[in-house]
Amino acid sequence: MASYIDLIATQVGAPIWLLYTILVWTAVWKLLALWKAAKHKHIVWFIVMGVVNTIGILPILYLYVFSKLHHPSFKKKAKSVKRKVVKKKVVKKKK
């Protein structure tokens, strides 16, 4: 694998250490996002992140944006906030 990365580094004109850094960066974010997608049973996200390589951009977006939108605790919090707002409006209308 080292000779493959050396070949890529010479073709791109980038230092080898930069390519290794990008490789580790991508691997860490991808593994974290895949683990969380599997934990939440998001099969489509798991497959897309496993196949598509975006240098960590897609896994970071999933971890900080999309996984929270689909998480059940987020939906419960959103419903409770809506109920509180509705109750306040009803109380104001009765007075």
C-alpha atoms as a PDB file:
ATOM      1  CA  MET A   1       0.000   0.000   0.000  1.00  0.00           C
ATOM      2  CA  ALA A   2       2.905   2.326   0.705  1.00  0.00           C
ATOM      3  CA  SER A   3       4.129   2.118  -2.886  1.00  0.00           C
ATOM      4  CA  TYR A   4       0.608   2.908  -4.117  1.00  0.00           C
ATOM      5  CA  ILE A   5       0.469   6.030  -1.958  1.00  0.00           C
ATOM      6  CA  ASP A   6       3.984   6.993  -3.080  1.00  0.00           C
ATOM      7  CA  LEU A   7       2.833   6.713  -6.698  1.00  0.00           C
ATOM      8  CA  ILE A   8      -0.223   8.878  -6.023  1.00  0.00           C
ATOM      9  CA  ALA A   9       1.918  11.436  -4.162  1.00  0.00           C
ATOM     10  CA  THR A  10       4.306  11.776  -7.107  1.00  0.00           C
ATOM     11  CA  GLN A  11       1.454  12.056  -9.626  1.00  0.00           C
ATOM     12  CA  VAL A  12      -0.417  14.674  -7.614  1.00  0.00           C
ATOM     13  CA  GLY A  13       2.672  16.525  -6.524  1.00  0.00           C
ATOM     14  CA  ALA A  14       1.722  16.426  -2.840  1.00  0.00           C
ATOM     15  CA  PRO A  15       3.947  15.345   0.014  1.00  0.00           C
ATOM     16  CA  ILE A  16       3.471  11.791   1.249  1.00  0.00           C
ATOM     17  CA  TRP A  17       2.774  12.914   4.812  1.00  0.00           C
ATOM     18  CA  LEU A  18      -0.201  14.982   3.557  1.00  0.00           C
ATOM     19  CA  LEU A  19      -1.753  11.963   1.857  1.00  0.00           C
ATOM     20  CA  TYR A  20      -1.313   9.858   4.995  1.00  0.00           C
ATOM     21  CA  THR A  21      -2.915  12.623   7.060  1.00  0.00           C
ATOM     22  CA  ILE A  22      -5.895  12.773   4.705  1.00  0.00           C
ATOM     23  CA  LEU A  23      -6.178   8.981   4.792  1.00  0.00           C
ATOM     24  CA  VAL A  24      -6.246   8.885   8.605  1.00  0.00           C
ATOM     25  CA  TRP A  25      -8.625  11.881   8.778  1.00  0.00           C
ATOM     26  CA  THR A  26     -11.076  10.196   6.398  1.00  0.00           C
ATOM     27  CA  ALA A  27     -10.870   6.839   8.141  1.00  0.00           C
ATOM     28  CA  VAL A  28     -11.553   8.252  11.607  1.00  0.00           C
ATOM     29  CA  TRP A  29     -14.593  10.297  10.569  1.00  0.00           C
ATOM     30  CA  LYS A  30     -15.971   7.516   8.388  1.00  0.00           C
ATOM     31  CA  LEU A  31     -15.700   4.925  11.159  1.00  0.00           C
ATOM     32  CA  LEU A  32     -17.381   7.213  13.687  1.00  0.00           C
ATOM     33  CA  ALA A  33     -20.239   7.996  11.312  1.00  0.00           C
ATOM     34  CA  LEU A  34     -20.686   4.363  10.254  1.00  0.00           C
ATOM     35  CA  TRP A  35     -20.803   3.291  13.895  1.00  0.00           C
ATOM     36  CA  LYS A  36     -23.454   5.893  14.730  1.00  0.00           C
ATOM     37  CA  ALA A  37     -25.512   5.086  11.612  1.00  0.00           C
ATOM     38  CA  ALA A  38     -25.482   1.405  12.532  1.00  0.00           C
ATOM     39  CA  LYS A  39     -26.422   2.230  16.126  1.00  0.00           C
ATOM     40  CA  HIS A  40     -29.444   4.274  14.975  1.00  0.00           C
ATOM     41  CA  LYS A  41     -30.318   1.706  12.285  1.00  0.00           C
ATOM     42  CA  HIS A  42     -29.978   4.193   9.418  1.00  0.00           C
ATOM     43  CA  ILE A  43     -29.286   1.656   6.685  1.00  0.00           C
ATOM     44  CA  VAL A  44     -29.294   4.103   3.756  1.00  0.00           C
ATOM     45  CA  TRP A  45     -26.800   6.429   5.453  1.00  0.00           C
ATOM     46  CA  PHE A  46     -24.611   3.456   6.359  1.00  0.00           C
ATOM     47  CA  ILE A  47     -24.457   2.277   2.735  1.00  0.00           C
ATOM     48  CA  VAL A  48     -23.900   5.756   1.266  1.00  0.00           C
ATOM     49  CA  MET A  49     -21.100   6.605   3.696  1.00  0.00           C
ATOM     50  CA  GLY A  50     -19.501   3.214   3.145  1.00  0.00           C
ATOM     51  CA  VAL A  51     -19.417   3.641  -0.627  1.00  0.00           C
ATOM     52  CA  VAL A  52     -18.923   7.390  -1.179  1.00  0.00           C
ATOM     53  CA  ASN A  53     -15.604   8.937  -0.202  1.00  0.00           C
ATOM     54  CA  THR A  54     -15.813  12.674   0.538  1.00  0.00           C
ATOM     55  CA  ILE A  55     -12.671  13.155   2.652  1.00  0.00           C
ATOM     56  CA  GLY A  56     -14.758  13.190   5.824  1.00  0.00           C
ATOM     57  CA  ILE A  57     -17.284  15.838   4.801  1.00  0.00           C
ATOM     58  CA  LEU A  58     -20.321  13.552   4.544  1.00  0.00           C
ATOM     59  CA  PRO A  59     -19.568  11.686   7.806  1.00  0.00           C
ATOM     60  CA  ILE A  60     -19.085  14.985   9.665  1.00  0.00           C
ATOM     61  CA  LEU A  61     -22.404  16.295   8.340  1.00  0.00           C
ATOM     62  CA  TYR A  62     -24.113  13.069   9.339  1.00  0.00           C
ATOM     63  CA  LEU A  63     -22.660  13.121  12.856  1.00  0.00           C
ATOM     64  CA  TYR A  64     -23.502  16.742  13.635  1.00  0.00           C
ATOM     65  CA  VAL A  65     -26.630  17.429  11.570  1.00  0.00           C
ATOM     66  CA  PHE A  66     -28.542  14.494  10.142  1.00  0.00           C
ATOM     67  CA  SER A  67     -28.169  11.930  12.941  1.00  0.00           C
ATOM     68  CA  LYS A  68     -29.706  14.380  15.411  1.00  0.00           C
ATOM     69  CA  LEU A  69     -32.683  15.125  13.158  1.00  0.00           C
ATOM     70  CA  HIS A  70     -33.676  11.469  12.924  1.00  0.00           C
ATOM     71  CA  HIS A  71     -32.941  10.506  16.505  1.00  0.00           C
ATOM     72  CA  PRO A  72     -36.077   9.626  18.565  1.00  0.00           C
ATOM     73  CA  SER A  73     -35.079  11.842  21.509  1.00  0.00           C
ATOM     74  CA  PHE A  74     -34.942  14.856  19.166  1.00  0.00           C
ATOM     75  CA  LYS A  75     -38.494  14.127  17.980  1.00  0.00           C
ATOM     76  CA  LYS A  76     -39.743  13.827  21.576  1.00  0.00           C
ATOM     77  CA  LYS A  77     -38.165  17.155  22.488  1.00  0.00           C
ATOM     78  CA  ALA A  78     -39.715  18.829  19.454  1.00  0.00           C
ATOM     79  CA  LYS A  79     -43.166  17.476  20.344  1.00  0.00           C
ATOM     80  CA  SER A  80     -42.884  18.616  23.958  1.00  0.00           C
ATOM     81  CA  VAL A  81     -41.879  22.119  22.857  1.00  0.00           C
ATOM     82  CA  LYS A  82     -44.874  22.275  20.507  1.00  0.00           C
ATOM     83  CA  ARG A  83     -47.212  21.153  23.322  1.00  0.00           C
ATOM     84  CA  LYS A  84     -45.901  23.872  25.643  1.00  0.00           C
ATOM     85  CA  VAL A  85     -46.453  26.519  22.983  1.00  0.00           C
ATOM     86  CA  VAL A  86     -49.985  25.260  22.297  1.00  0.00           C
ATOM     87  CA  LYS A  87     -50.820  25.240  26.021  1.00  0.00           C
ATOM     88  CA  LYS A  88     -49.644  28.827  26.427  1.00  0.00           C
ATOM     89  CA  LYS A  89     -51.773  29.979  23.504  1.00  0.00           C
ATOM     90  CA  VAL A  90     -54.833  28.201  24.874  1.00  0.00           C
ATOM     91  CA  VAL A  91     -54.365  29.786  28.292  1.00  0.00           C
ATOM     92  CA  LYS A  92     -54.067  33.245  26.732  1.00  0.00           C
ATOM     93  CA  LYS A  93     -57.256  32.736  24.704  1.00  0.00           C
ATOM     94  CA  LYS A  94     -59.279  31.740  27.790  1.00  0.00           C
ATOM     95  CA  LYS A  95     -58.368  34.919  29.691  1.00  0.00           C
END
